Protein backbone atom coordinates (compact mmCIF):
# COMPACT_ATOMS: atom_id res chain seq x y z
CA UNK A 1 100.58 118.28 120.35
CA UNK A 2 102.10 120.04 117.39
CA UNK A 3 102.21 118.95 113.77
CA UNK A 4 105.74 117.52 113.97
CA UNK A 5 104.87 115.33 116.97
CA UNK A 6 101.63 114.15 115.34
CA UNK A 7 103.47 113.27 112.15
CA UNK A 8 106.27 111.45 114.02
CA UNK A 9 103.72 109.30 115.86
CA UNK A 10 101.51 108.65 112.80
CA UNK A 11 104.56 107.53 110.81
CA UNK A 12 105.43 104.89 113.41
CA UNK A 13 102.90 102.75 111.53
CA UNK A 14 104.84 101.20 108.62
CA UNK A 15 101.61 100.80 106.62
CA UNK A 16 101.04 104.56 106.73
CA UNK A 17 104.60 105.10 105.51
CA UNK A 18 104.26 102.53 102.71
CA UNK A 19 101.00 104.07 101.49
CA UNK A 20 102.40 107.60 101.55
CA UNK A 21 105.50 106.51 99.63
CA UNK A 22 103.40 104.71 97.02
CA UNK A 23 101.03 107.66 96.65
CA UNK A 24 104.02 109.84 95.85
CA UNK A 25 105.17 107.36 93.19
CA UNK A 26 101.65 107.14 91.73
CA UNK A 27 101.45 110.93 91.50
CA UNK A 28 97.67 110.93 91.85
CA UNK A 29 96.27 114.45 91.75
CA UNK A 30 95.76 116.03 95.17
CA UNK A 31 96.26 112.69 96.97
CA UNK A 32 96.20 112.31 100.76
CA UNK A 33 96.25 109.51 103.33
CA UNK A 34 93.47 110.57 105.69
CA UNK A 35 91.53 110.06 108.88
CA UNK A 36 91.43 107.11 111.23
CA UNK A 37 94.58 105.28 110.20
CA UNK A 38 96.58 108.35 111.17
CA UNK A 39 94.73 109.32 114.33
CA UNK A 40 94.29 105.75 115.55
CA UNK A 41 98.00 105.08 115.08
CA UNK A 42 98.68 108.06 117.34
CA UNK A 43 96.12 106.80 119.89
CA UNK A 44 97.83 103.40 119.83
CA UNK A 45 101.23 104.93 120.52
CA UNK A 46 99.84 107.14 123.30
CA UNK A 47 98.00 104.24 124.96
CA UNK A 48 100.73 101.63 124.51
CA UNK A 49 98.79 99.37 122.16
CA UNK A 50 99.94 97.51 119.05
CA UNK A 51 100.52 100.06 116.29
CA UNK A 52 97.66 98.72 114.15
CA UNK A 53 95.15 98.03 116.95
CA UNK A 54 91.60 98.87 115.89
CA UNK A 55 92.48 100.26 112.47
CA UNK A 56 89.71 98.98 110.19
CA UNK A 57 91.03 100.52 106.98
CA UNK A 58 93.35 103.05 105.43
CA UNK A 59 91.64 105.86 103.52
CA UNK A 60 93.17 107.49 100.46
CA UNK A 61 91.57 110.60 99.00
CA UNK A 62 92.51 112.16 95.70
CA UNK A 63 90.85 114.67 93.40
CA UNK A 64 90.61 113.98 89.69
CA UNK A 65 88.16 115.99 87.53
CA UNK A 66 87.42 112.77 85.59
CA UNK A 67 84.33 111.70 87.53
CA UNK A 68 83.73 108.51 85.60
CA UNK A 69 83.46 105.28 87.57
CA UNK A 70 85.93 103.69 85.14
CA UNK A 71 88.64 106.20 85.96
CA UNK A 72 88.18 105.80 89.71
CA UNK A 73 88.00 102.02 89.43
CA UNK A 74 91.29 101.99 87.51
CA UNK A 75 92.94 103.95 90.35
CA UNK A 76 91.42 101.66 93.00
CA UNK A 77 92.76 98.61 91.15
CA UNK A 78 96.19 100.18 90.68
CA UNK A 79 96.48 101.09 94.36
CA UNK A 80 95.40 97.56 95.31
CA UNK A 81 97.91 96.00 92.91
CA UNK A 82 100.72 98.11 94.34
CA UNK A 83 99.77 97.83 98.03
CA UNK A 84 97.83 94.57 98.32
CA UNK A 85 100.91 92.90 99.77
CA UNK A 86 100.40 94.97 102.95
CA UNK A 87 97.37 92.83 103.83
CA UNK A 88 95.20 95.77 104.91
CA UNK A 89 91.99 97.26 103.55
CA UNK A 90 92.68 100.44 101.59
CA UNK A 91 89.70 102.59 100.61
CA UNK A 92 90.65 104.81 97.68
CA UNK A 93 88.12 107.45 96.65
CA UNK A 94 88.11 110.26 94.11
CA UNK A 95 86.63 113.19 96.02
CA UNK A 96 85.46 114.75 92.74
CA UNK A 97 82.91 111.88 92.47
CA UNK A 98 81.47 111.78 96.00
CA UNK A 99 78.51 114.02 95.17
CA UNK A 100 77.44 111.46 92.56
CA UNK A 101 76.91 108.56 94.98
CA UNK A 102 76.65 110.03 98.49
CA UNK A 103 72.96 111.08 98.39
CA UNK A 104 71.89 107.61 97.27
CA UNK A 105 73.98 105.87 99.94
CA UNK A 106 73.33 108.21 102.87
CA UNK A 107 70.13 110.05 101.98
CA UNK A 108 71.76 113.46 102.40
CA UNK A 109 72.68 116.05 99.76
CA UNK A 110 76.37 116.43 99.01
CA UNK A 111 77.50 119.38 96.91
CA UNK A 112 80.45 118.85 94.57
CA UNK A 113 83.86 119.36 96.15
CA UNK A 114 86.68 121.48 94.74
CA UNK A 115 89.64 119.60 96.24
CA UNK A 116 90.41 116.51 98.31
CA UNK A 117 90.74 118.50 101.53
CA UNK A 118 87.07 119.49 101.19
CA UNK A 119 86.28 115.82 101.79
CA UNK A 120 88.44 115.84 104.93
CA UNK A 121 86.47 118.86 106.14
CA UNK A 122 83.26 116.79 106.00
CA UNK A 123 84.35 113.96 108.32
CA UNK A 124 81.95 113.10 111.17
CA UNK A 125 84.54 113.89 113.83
CA UNK A 126 86.83 116.87 114.18
CA UNK A 127 89.68 114.79 115.57
CA UNK A 128 89.88 112.73 112.35
CA UNK A 129 89.92 115.76 110.07
CA UNK A 130 93.53 115.06 109.20
CA UNK A 131 95.38 114.32 105.99
CA UNK A 132 99.04 113.67 105.23
CA UNK A 133 100.90 113.51 101.96
CA UNK A 134 104.50 113.46 100.83
CA UNK A 135 105.88 116.80 99.73
CA UNK A 136 109.37 116.75 98.31
CA UNK A 137 111.55 115.12 100.95
CA UNK A 138 109.04 115.78 103.73
CA UNK A 139 105.34 115.72 104.40
CA UNK A 140 102.44 118.13 104.19
CA UNK A 141 99.76 117.88 106.87
CA UNK A 142 96.21 119.19 106.65
CA UNK A 143 94.47 119.46 110.02
CA UNK A 144 91.93 122.31 110.27
CA UNK A 145 91.28 121.66 113.98
CA UNK A 146 94.85 120.92 114.98
CA UNK A 147 95.89 118.03 117.19
CA UNK A 148 94.73 118.84 120.73
CA UNK A 149 91.75 116.46 120.59
CA UNK A 150 93.96 113.72 119.17
CA UNK A 151 96.47 114.11 121.99
CA UNK A 152 93.78 114.32 124.66
CA UNK A 153 91.91 111.31 123.21
CA UNK A 154 88.76 113.37 122.62
CA UNK A 155 86.18 112.46 120.00
CA UNK A 156 84.18 115.53 119.02
CA UNK A 157 81.39 115.79 116.44
CA UNK A 158 81.91 117.85 113.32
CA UNK A 159 78.52 119.48 112.82
CA UNK A 160 78.95 120.08 109.12
CA UNK A 161 76.35 119.99 106.37
CA UNK A 162 76.32 116.18 106.12
CA UNK A 163 76.48 115.38 109.81
CA UNK A 164 74.49 112.37 111.02
CA UNK A 165 74.14 112.02 114.79
CA UNK A 166 73.30 108.32 114.38
CA UNK A 167 76.44 107.63 112.32
CA UNK A 168 78.56 109.67 114.72
CA UNK A 169 77.20 107.83 117.75
CA UNK A 170 77.85 104.43 116.15
CA UNK A 171 81.40 105.37 115.13
CA UNK A 172 82.20 106.83 118.55
CA UNK A 173 80.83 103.72 120.31
CA UNK A 174 83.03 101.45 118.16
CA UNK A 175 86.08 103.55 118.97
CA UNK A 176 85.25 103.74 122.69
CA UNK A 177 85.11 99.93 122.82
CA UNK A 178 88.58 99.76 121.25
CA UNK A 179 90.12 102.71 123.14
CA UNK A 180 88.28 102.97 126.50
CA UNK A 181 90.44 105.99 127.40
CA UNK A 182 88.57 108.12 124.87
CA UNK A 183 86.30 110.92 125.95
CA UNK A 184 83.35 111.10 123.58
CA UNK A 185 81.54 114.42 123.26
CA UNK A 186 77.85 113.69 122.61
CA UNK A 187 76.25 114.89 119.39
CA UNK A 188 73.67 117.61 119.93
């Protein structure tokens, strides 16, 4: 699967399109729609399921050097006010702040990031290391591992610095229950 095909399938989900359009209007710094909502939409198209089957939430990453909770909370509230009518859970996170709360929540160190895509690079699975944003009249896609695993319905661990085999196994099991066609590569 190439980038154009991935994008065409991911944009079949009208919620993805609405979020991307609103992110462009908001002009948040370095903002991306990321991860499962994109990949799972593609899985749903490939397996003939409802477009929103199994999508628990829609993740928005942005990168603002203002690492205060107040600044992030204002963005979260603004995104919710603008997109709450969609009736889906949208998780909006400033990637410049993750290092402040991640160790306390997950018990693992998390060095400061330099850009939103650095957060994408740290996902538990390689197949969900994907981000999309509007760029002019088109879209920009970030996918460091490409789209072969997405097309082949393969879930593969991303053994990065914050990898948790337990979290990976739980996530993969949830997905396998929703998309039995998946092939899950075990964490080592």
